[in-house]
PDB file of N, CA and C in Angstrom:
ATOM      1  N   MET A   1      17.380  32.370-146.909  1.00  0.00           N
ATOM      2  CA  MET A   1      16.371  32.566-146.074  1.00  0.00           C
ATOM      3  C   MET A   1      16.308  31.946-144.642  1.00  0.00           C
ATOM      4  N   HIS A   2      16.736  32.730-143.269  1.00  0.00           N
ATOM      5  CA  HIS A   2      16.583  31.714-142.221  1.00  0.00           C
ATOM      6  C   HIS A   2      15.334  33.023-141.069  1.00  0.00           C
ATOM      7  N   ILE A   3      14.301  32.322-141.239  1.00  0.00           N
ATOM      8  CA  ILE A   3      13.396  32.838-140.318  1.00  0.00           C
ATOM      9  C   ILE A   3      12.995  32.174-139.423  1.00  0.00           C
ATOM     10  N   GLU A   4      13.227  32.882-138.183  1.00  0.00           N
ATOM     11  CA  GLU A   4      12.960  32.869-136.924  1.00  0.00           C
ATOM     12  C   GLU A   4      11.901  32.925-136.311  1.00  0.00           C
ATOM     13  N   PHE A   5      10.920  32.684-135.259  1.00  0.00           N
ATOM     14  CA  PHE A   5       9.546  33.397-135.208  1.00  0.00           C
ATOM     15  C   PHE A   5      10.047  33.260-133.237  1.00  0.00           C
ATOM     16  N   GLY A   6       9.737  34.226-132.677  1.00  0.00           N
ATOM     17  CA  GLY A   6       9.884  34.150-131.588  1.00  0.00           C
ATOM     18  C   GLY A   6       9.016  33.692-130.775  1.00  0.00           C
ATOM     19  N   ASP A   7       8.963  33.764-129.317  1.00  0.00           N
ATOM     20  CA  ASP A   7       7.677  33.373-128.141  1.00  0.00           C
ATOM     21  C   ASP A   7       6.863  34.803-127.956  1.00  0.00           C
ATOM     22  N   GLU A   8       7.197  35.406-127.679  1.00  0.00           N
ATOM     23  CA  GLU A   8       6.547  36.650-127.177  1.00  0.00           C
ATOM     24  C   GLU A   8       6.235  37.824-127.819  1.00  0.00           C
ATOM     25  N   VAL A   9       4.430  37.774-127.446  1.00  0.00           N
ATOM     26  CA  VAL A   9       3.189  38.267-127.995  1.00  0.00           C
ATOM     27  C   VAL A   9       2.995  38.885-126.992  1.00  0.00           C
ATOM     28  N   VAL A  10       2.341  40.573-127.364  1.00  0.00           N
ATOM     29  CA  VAL A  10       1.951  41.026-126.649  1.00  0.00           C
ATOM     30  C   VAL A  10       0.718  42.397-127.496  1.00  0.00           C
ATOM     31  N   TRP A  11      -0.386  42.338-126.551  1.00  0.00           N
ATOM     32  CA  TRP A  11      -0.992  43.649-126.767  1.00  0.00           C
ATOM     33  C   TRP A  11      -0.623  45.193-127.322  1.00  0.00           C
ATOM     34  N   ALA A  12      -0.050  45.822-128.465  1.00  0.00           N
ATOM     35  CA  ALA A  12       0.690  47.216-129.016  1.00  0.00           C
ATOM     36  C   ALA A  12      -0.729  47.815-128.747  1.00  0.00           C
ATOM     37  N   GLY A  13      -1.073  48.234-128.111  1.00  0.00           N
ATOM     38  CA  GLY A  13      -2.166  49.008-127.801  1.00  0.00           C
ATOM     39  C   GLY A  13      -1.926  50.350-128.274  1.00  0.00           C
ATOM     40  N   GLU A  14      -1.060  50.992-128.599  1.00  0.00           N
ATOM     41  CA  GLU A  14      -0.855  52.404-129.613  1.00  0.00           C
ATOM     42  C   GLU A  14      -0.715  51.943-130.878  1.00  0.00           C
ATOM     43  N   ARG A  15      -0.913  51.002-130.920  1.00  0.00           N
ATOM     44  CA  ARG A  15      -0.238  50.469-132.449  1.00  0.00           C
ATOM     45  C   ARG A  15      -1.637  49.954-133.236  1.00  0.00           C
ATOM     46  N   SER A  16      -2.891  49.733-132.159  1.00  0.00           N
ATOM     47  CA  SER A  16      -3.912  48.862-132.296  1.00  0.00           C
ATOM     48  C   SER A  16      -3.359  47.405-133.052  1.00  0.00           C
ATOM     49  N   SER A  17      -2.164  46.903-132.952  1.00  0.00           N
ATOM     50  CA  SER A  17      -1.784  45.443-133.028  1.00  0.00           C
ATOM     51  C   SER A  17      -0.992  44.711-132.087  1.00  0.00           C
ATOM     52  N   VAL A  18      -0.982  43.150-132.280  1.00  0.00           N
ATOM     53  CA  VAL A  18      -0.218  42.651-131.441  1.00  0.00           C
ATOM     54  C   VAL A  18       1.020  41.992-131.478  1.00  0.00           C
ATOM     55  N   PHE A  19       2.171  42.420-131.085  1.00  0.00           N
ATOM     56  CA  PHE A  19       3.214  42.731-131.456  1.00  0.00           C
ATOM     57  C   PHE A  19       3.830  41.452-131.601  1.00  0.00           C
ATOM     58  N   PHE A  20       5.144  40.897-131.856  1.00  0.00           N
ATOM     59  CA  PHE A  20       5.385  39.660-131.740  1.00  0.00           C
ATOM     60  C   PHE A  20       6.903  39.791-132.791  1.00  0.00           C
ATOM     61  N   ARG A  21       8.148  38.949-132.521  1.00  0.00           N
ATOM     62  CA  ARG A  21       9.477  39.124-133.172  1.00  0.00           C
ATOM     63  C   ARG A  21       9.806  38.054-134.078  1.00  0.00           C
ATOM     64  N   ALA A  22      10.857  38.557-134.412  1.00  0.00           N
ATOM     65  CA  ALA A  22      11.007  37.667-135.565  1.00  0.00           C
ATOM     66  C   ALA A  22      12.802  37.754-135.715  1.00  0.00           C
ATOM     67  N   LYS A  23      13.777  36.492-136.222  1.00  0.00           N
ATOM     68  CA  LYS A  23      14.970  37.237-136.477  1.00  0.00           C
ATOM     69  C   LYS A  23      14.874  36.488-137.862  1.00  0.00           C
ATOM     70  N   VAL A  24      15.318  37.231-138.916  1.00  0.00           N
ATOM     71  CA  VAL A  24      15.623  36.820-140.192  1.00  0.00           C
ATOM     72  C   VAL A  24      16.953  36.946-140.307  1.00  0.00           C
ATOM     73  N   ASP A  25      17.744  36.189-141.049  1.00  0.00           N
ATOM     74  CA  ASP A  25      19.545  36.255-141.221  1.00  0.00           C
ATOM     75  C   ASP A  25      19.665  36.783-139.886  1.00  0.00           C
ATOM     76  N   GLY A  26      19.306  36.189-139.076  1.00  0.00           N
ATOM     77  CA  GLY A  26      20.400  36.908-137.505  1.00  0.00           C
ATOM     78  C   GLY A  26      19.610  38.405-137.463  1.00  0.00           C
ATOM     79  N   LYS A  27      18.999  38.773-137.983  1.00  0.00           N
ATOM     80  CA  LYS A  27      18.953  40.716-137.471  1.00  0.00           C
ATOM     81  C   LYS A  27      16.937  40.461-137.336  1.00  0.00           C
ATOM     82  N   ASN A  28      16.929  40.756-135.685  1.00  0.00           N
ATOM     83  CA  ASN A  28      15.519  40.965-135.531  1.00  0.00           C
ATOM     84  C   ASN A  28      14.938  42.085-136.404  1.00  0.00           C
ATOM     85  N   VAL A  29      13.404  41.696-135.911  1.00  0.00           N
ATOM     86  CA  VAL A  29      12.410  42.258-136.966  1.00  0.00           C
ATOM     87  C   VAL A  29      11.106  42.535-135.921  1.00  0.00           C
ATOM     88  N   ARG A  30      10.330  43.600-135.942  1.00  0.00           N
ATOM     89  CA  ARG A  30       9.801  43.718-134.957  1.00  0.00           C
ATOM     90  C   ARG A  30       8.190  43.754-136.047  1.00  0.00           C
ATOM     91  N   CYS A  31       7.492  42.938-135.408  1.00  0.00           N
ATOM     92  CA  CYS A  31       6.347  42.268-136.112  1.00  0.00           C
ATOM     93  C   CYS A  31       4.971  42.779-135.564  1.00  0.00           C
ATOM     94  N   PHE A  32       4.176  43.413-136.530  1.00  0.00           N
ATOM     95  CA  PHE A  32       2.901  43.208-135.624  1.00  0.00           C
ATOM     96  C   PHE A  32       1.511  43.191-136.570  1.00  0.00           C
ATOM     97  N   VAL A  33       0.695  42.251-135.707  1.00  0.00           N
ATOM     98  CA  VAL A  33      -0.823  42.122-136.812  1.00  0.00           C
ATOM     99  C   VAL A  33      -1.735  42.913-136.742  1.00  0.00           C
ATOM    100  N   SER A  34      -2.361  43.100-137.563  1.00  0.00           N
ATOM    101  CA  SER A  34      -3.090  44.442-137.401  1.00  0.00           C
ATOM    102  C   SER A  34      -4.869  44.080-136.208  1.00  0.00           C
ATOM    103  N   ARG A  35      -5.238  44.806-135.311  1.00  0.00           N
ATOM    104  CA  ARG A  35      -6.637  44.315-135.272  1.00  0.00           C
ATOM    105  C   ARG A  35      -6.999  43.937-136.168  1.00  0.00           C
ATOM    106  N   GLU A  36      -7.532  44.667-137.181  1.00  0.00           N
ATOM    107  CA  GLU A  36      -8.287  44.540-138.104  1.00  0.00           C
ATOM    108  C   GLU A  36      -7.889  43.394-139.089  1.00  0.00           C
ATOM    109  N   ALA A  37      -6.825  42.573-139.111  1.00  0.00           N
ATOM    110  CA  ALA A  37      -6.802  41.597-139.745  1.00  0.00           C
ATOM    111  C   ALA A  37      -7.171  40.162-138.384  1.00  0.00           C
ATOM    112  N   LEU A  38      -6.742  40.501-137.504  1.00  0.00           N
ATOM    113  CA  LEU A  38      -7.185  39.755-136.214  1.00  0.00           C
ATOM    114  C   LEU A  38      -8.708  39.782-136.476  1.00  0.00           C
ATOM    115  N   ASP A  39      -9.500  40.735-136.367  1.00  0.00           N
ATOM    116  CA  ASP A  39     -11.111  40.428-136.634  1.00  0.00           C
ATOM    117  C   ASP A  39     -11.179  40.120-137.751  1.00  0.00           C
ATOM    118  N   ASP A  40     -10.947  40.157-139.341  1.00  0.00           N
ATOM    119  CA  ASP A  40     -11.571  39.848-140.660  1.00  0.00           C
ATOM    120  C   ASP A  40     -10.701  38.362-140.509  1.00  0.00           C
ATOM    121  N   HIS A  41      -9.934  37.954-140.530  1.00  0.00           N
ATOM    122  CA  HIS A  41      -9.405  36.826-140.274  1.00  0.00           C
ATOM    123  C   HIS A  41      -9.175  35.419-139.432  1.00  0.00           C
ATOM    124  N   CYS A  42      -9.422  35.996-138.226  1.00  0.00           N
ATOM    125  CA  CYS A  42      -9.384  35.361-137.375  1.00  0.00           C
ATOM    126  C   CYS A  42     -10.463  35.546-136.054  1.00  0.00           C
ATOM    127  N   GLY A  43     -11.713  36.165-136.534  1.00  0.00           N
ATOM    128  CA  GLY A  43     -12.864  35.947-135.444  1.00  0.00           C
ATOM    129  C   GLY A  43     -12.468  36.849-134.453  1.00  0.00           C
ATOM    130  N   GLY A  44     -12.031  37.764-134.584  1.00  0.00           N
ATOM    131  CA  GLY A  44     -11.512  38.743-133.341  1.00  0.00           C
ATOM    132  C   GLY A  44     -13.109  39.594-132.837  1.00  0.00           C
ATOM    133  N   ASP A  45     -13.048  40.122-133.993  1.00  0.00           N
ATOM    134  CA  ASP A  45     -14.520  41.204-134.136  1.00  0.00           C
ATOM    135  C   ASP A  45     -14.983  41.441-132.699  1.00  0.00           C
ATOM    136  N   GLY A  46     -13.640  42.484-132.510  1.00  0.00           N
ATOM    137  CA  GLY A  46     -13.774  43.695-131.365  1.00  0.00           C
ATOM    138  C   GLY A  46     -13.796  43.029-130.064  1.00  0.00           C
ATOM    139  N   ALA A  47     -12.946  42.127-130.063  1.00  0.00           N
ATOM    140  CA  ALA A  47     -12.599  41.076-128.577  1.00  0.00           C
ATOM    141  C   ALA A  47     -11.591  42.152-127.729  1.00  0.00           C
ATOM    142  N   ASP A  48     -11.672  41.580-126.388  1.00  0.00           N
ATOM    143  CA  ASP A  48     -11.283  42.669-125.310  1.00  0.00           C
ATOM    144  C   ASP A  48      -9.569  42.504-125.376  1.00  0.00           C
ATOM    145  N   ASP A  49      -9.004  41.110-125.910  1.00  0.00           N
ATOM    146  CA  ASP A  49      -7.933  40.492-125.846  1.00  0.00           C
ATOM    147  C   ASP A  49      -7.729  39.797-126.505  1.00  0.00           C
ATOM    148  N   TYR A  50      -6.846  40.596-127.299  1.00  0.00           N
ATOM    149  CA  TYR A  50      -6.584  40.072-128.668  1.00  0.00           C
ATOM    150  C   TYR A  50      -5.359  38.918-128.975  1.00  0.00           C
ATOM    151  N   VAL A  51      -4.361  39.081-127.804  1.00  0.00           N
ATOM    152  CA  VAL A  51      -3.501  38.574-128.245  1.00  0.00           C
ATOM    153  C   VAL A  51      -4.244  36.139-127.686  1.00  0.00           C
ATOM    154  N   PRO A  52      -4.670  36.184-127.372  1.00  0.00           N
ATOM    155  CA  PRO A  52      -5.553  34.732-127.325  1.00  0.00           C
ATOM    156  C   PRO A  52      -5.910  34.348-128.513  1.00  0.00           C
ATOM    157  N   ILE A  53      -6.163  35.402-129.182  1.00  0.00           N
ATOM    158  CA  ILE A  53      -6.778  35.282-130.854  1.00  0.00           C
ATOM    159  C   ILE A  53      -6.010  34.877-131.506  1.00  0.00           C
ATOM    160  N   PHE A  54      -4.510  35.712-131.432  1.00  0.00           N
ATOM    161  CA  PHE A  54      -3.154  35.398-131.967  1.00  0.00           C
ATOM    162  C   PHE A  54      -2.681  33.515-131.830  1.00  0.00           C
ATOM    163  N   HIS A  55      -2.757  33.359-130.590  1.00  0.00           N
ATOM    164  CA  HIS A  55      -2.051  32.595-130.120  1.00  0.00           C
ATOM    165  C   HIS A  55      -2.872  30.922-131.062  1.00  0.00           C
ATOM    166  N   THR A  56      -4.241  31.377-130.825  1.00  0.00           N
ATOM    167  CA  THR A  56      -5.410  30.314-131.129  1.00  0.00           C
ATOM    168  C   THR A  56      -5.027  30.259-133.168  1.00  0.00           C
ATOM    169  N   HIS A  57      -4.978  31.267-133.861  1.00  0.00           N
ATOM    170  CA  HIS A  57      -4.389  31.402-135.022  1.00  0.00           C
ATOM    171  C   HIS A  57      -2.926  31.732-135.609  1.00  0.00           C
ATOM    172  N   ARG A  58      -1.543  31.302-134.570  1.00  0.00           N
ATOM    173  CA  ARG A  58      -0.470  32.033-134.408  1.00  0.00           C
ATOM    174  C   ARG A  58      -0.186  30.864-135.946  1.00  0.00           C
ATOM    175  N   LYS A  59      -0.514  29.856-136.570  1.00  0.00           N
ATOM    176  CA  LYS A  59       0.112  28.851-137.420  1.00  0.00           C
ATOM    177  C   LYS A  59      -0.362  29.734-138.663  1.00  0.00           C
ATOM    178  N   LYS A  60      -1.579  30.277-138.825  1.00  0.00           N
ATOM    179  CA  LYS A  60      -1.962  30.969-139.954  1.00  0.00           C
ATOM    180  C   LYS A  60      -1.300  32.238-139.939  1.00  0.00           C
ATOM    181  N   ILE A  61      -0.984  33.544-139.119  1.00  0.00           N
ATOM    182  CA  ILE A  61      -0.307  34.527-138.771  1.00  0.00           C
ATOM    183  C   ILE A  61       0.589  34.283-139.745  1.00  0.00           C
ATOM    184  N   LEU A  62       1.832  33.534-138.540  1.00  0.00           N
ATOM    185  CA  LEU A  62       3.261  33.379-138.680  1.00  0.00           C
ATOM    186  C   LEU A  62       3.413  32.529-140.549  1.00  0.00           C
ATOM    187  N   VAL A  63       2.500  31.801-141.024  1.00  0.00           N
ATOM    188  CA  VAL A  63       2.382  31.746-142.212  1.00  0.00           C
ATOM    189  C   VAL A  63       2.878  33.031-143.507  1.00  0.00           C
ATOM    190  N   VAL A  64       1.409  33.944-143.094  1.00  0.00           N
ATOM    191  CA  VAL A  64       1.340  35.158-143.803  1.00  0.00           C
ATOM    192  C   VAL A  64       2.807  35.702-144.158  1.00  0.00           C
ATOM    193  N   ALA A  65       3.139  36.156-142.774  1.00  0.00           N
ATOM    194  CA  ALA A  65       4.230  36.852-141.999  1.00  0.00           C
ATOM    195  C   ALA A  65       5.618  36.378-142.803  1.00  0.00           C
ATOM    196  N   GLU A  66       5.765  35.170-142.791  1.00  0.00           N
ATOM    197  CA  GLU A  66       6.895  34.297-143.375  1.00  0.00           C
ATOM    198  C   GLU A  66       7.244  34.903-144.500  1.00  0.00           C
ATOM    199  N   LYS A  67       5.293  34.846-145.818  1.00  0.00           N
ATOM    200  CA  LYS A  67       5.460  34.925-147.009  1.00  0.00           C
ATOM    201  C   LYS A  67       5.769  36.851-147.416  1.00  0.00           C
ATOM    202  N   MET A  68       4.852  37.309-146.394  1.00  0.00           N
ATOM    203  CA  MET A  68       5.876  38.765-146.353  1.00  0.00           C
ATOM    204  C   MET A  68       7.330  39.202-146.443  1.00  0.00           C
ATOM    205  N   ILE A  69       7.626  38.159-145.254  1.00  0.00           N
ATOM    206  CA  ILE A  69       9.091  38.790-145.023  1.00  0.00           C
ATOM    207  C   ILE A  69      10.098  38.293-146.295  1.00  0.00           C
ATOM    208  N   GLN A  70       9.719  36.887-147.104  1.00  0.00           N
ATOM    209  CA  GLN A  70      10.050  36.436-148.235  1.00  0.00           C
ATOM    210  C   GLN A  70      10.295  36.983-149.199  1.00  0.00           C
ATOM    211  N   ALA A  71       9.151  37.910-149.357  1.00  0.00           N
ATOM    212  CA  ALA A  71       8.647  39.109-150.595  1.00  0.00           C
ATOM    213  C   ALA A  71       9.469  40.397-150.105  1.00  0.00           C
ATOM    214  N   GLY A  72      10.041  40.788-149.578  1.00  0.00           N
ATOM    215  CA  GLY A  72      10.636  41.838-149.219  1.00  0.00           C
ATOM    216  C   GLY A  72       9.912  42.954-148.413  1.00  0.00           C
ATOM    217  N   CYS A  73       8.620  42.520-147.509  1.00  0.00           N
ATOM    218  CA  CYS A  73       7.732  43.704-147.220  1.00  0.00           C
ATOM    219  C   CYS A  73       8.916  44.148-146.151  1.00  0.00           C
ATOM    220  N   ILE A  74       9.599  44.027-145.027  1.00  0.00           N
ATOM    221  CA  ILE A  74       9.993  44.581-144.134  1.00  0.00           C
ATOM    222  C   ILE A  74      10.592  46.371-144.299  1.00  0.00           C
ATOM    223  N   SER A  75      10.231  47.129-143.459  1.00  0.00           N
ATOM    224  CA  SER A  75      10.493  48.336-143.520  1.00  0.00           C
ATOM    225  C   SER A  75      11.745  48.749-143.586  1.00  0.00           C
ATOM    226  N   PRO A  76      12.831  49.907-143.702  1.00  0.00           N
ATOM    227  CA  PRO A  76      13.903  50.045-143.391  1.00  0.00           C
ATOM    228  C   PRO A  76      13.933  50.197-142.204  1.00  0.00           C
ATOM    229  N   ALA A  77      13.281  50.571-141.576  1.00  0.00           N
ATOM    230  CA  ALA A  77      12.744  50.699-139.561  1.00  0.00           C
ATOM    231  C   ALA A  77      13.166  49.077-138.930  1.00  0.00           C
ATOM    232  N   GLY A  78      13.231  48.158-140.112  1.00  0.00           N
ATOM    233  CA  GLY A  78      13.333  46.963-139.589  1.00  0.00           C
ATOM    234  C   GLY A  78      11.698  46.256-138.764  1.00  0.00           C
ATOM    235  N   GLU A  79      10.857  46.942-139.709  1.00  0.00           N
ATOM    236  CA  GLU A  79       9.474  46.722-138.908  1.00  0.00           C
ATOM    237  C   GLU A  79       8.681  45.372-139.968  1.00  0.00           C
ATOM    238  N   LEU A  80       7.276  45.151-139.670  1.00  0.00           N
ATOM    239  CA  LEU A  80       6.450  44.215-140.648  1.00  0.00           C
ATOM    240  C   LEU A  80       5.390  44.510-140.295  1.00  0.00           C
ATOM    241  N   ILE A  81       4.520  44.644-140.847  1.00  0.00           N
ATOM    242  CA  ILE A  81       2.840  45.228-140.685  1.00  0.00           C
ATOM    243  C   ILE A  81       2.433  44.196-141.385  1.00  0.00           C
ATOM    244  N   VAL A  82       1.355  42.777-140.745  1.00  0.00           N
ATOM    245  CA  VAL A  82       0.601  42.201-141.391  1.00  0.00           C
ATOM    246  C   VAL A  82      -0.637  42.716-141.051  1.00  0.00           C
ATOM    247  N   ALA A  83      -1.138  43.235-142.131  1.00  0.00           N
ATOM    248  CA  ALA A  83      -2.262  43.743-142.370  1.00  0.00           C
ATOM    249  C   ALA A  83      -3.572  43.033-142.856  1.00  0.00           C
ATOM    250  N   THR A  84      -4.592  42.774-142.798  1.00  0.00           N
ATOM    251  CA  THR A  84      -5.855  42.204-143.171  1.00  0.00           C
ATOM    252  C   THR A  84      -5.747  41.823-144.800  1.00  0.00           C
ATOM    253  N   LYS A  85      -5.215  42.421-145.871  1.00  0.00           N
ATOM    254  CA  LYS A  85      -4.896  42.594-146.804  1.00  0.00           C
ATOM    255  C   LYS A  85      -4.138  41.694-147.797  1.00  0.00           C
ATOM    256  N   PHE A  86      -2.836  41.197-146.818  1.00  0.00           N
ATOM    257  CA  PHE A  86      -2.483  40.146-147.350  1.00  0.00           C
ATOM    258  C   PHE A  86      -2.683  38.610-146.233  1.00  0.00           C
ATOM    259  N   PHE A  87      -3.995  38.303-146.121  1.00  0.00           N
ATOM    260  CA  PHE A  87      -4.463  37.495-145.986  1.00  0.00           C
ATOM    261  C   PHE A  87      -4.827  36.671-147.170  1.00  0.00           C
ATOM    262  N   PRO A  88      -4.724  35.154-147.227  1.00  0.00           N
ATOM    263  CA  PRO A  88      -5.405  34.965-148.860  1.00  0.00           C
ATOM    264  C   PRO A  88      -7.495  34.823-148.438  1.00  0.00           C
TER     265      PRO A  88
END
């Protein structure tokens, strides 16, 4: 399985998550890391802007996302939701 993560990172307010992209074996996957996960595992604690927190903890978040992808957690709609329960 070949996984590549893109550089685009934006706040998705309607989903209360930070959005980023992955390409898995050539297919696009829309990824979201929840505000709750950023608060619980990355020190977000109700921050005004979660994008810098994502960048600070990018490696940690992408490790979790990659494990989830490998475990088949992508929805039929091509989305991955990285929630707090998936962090060690």
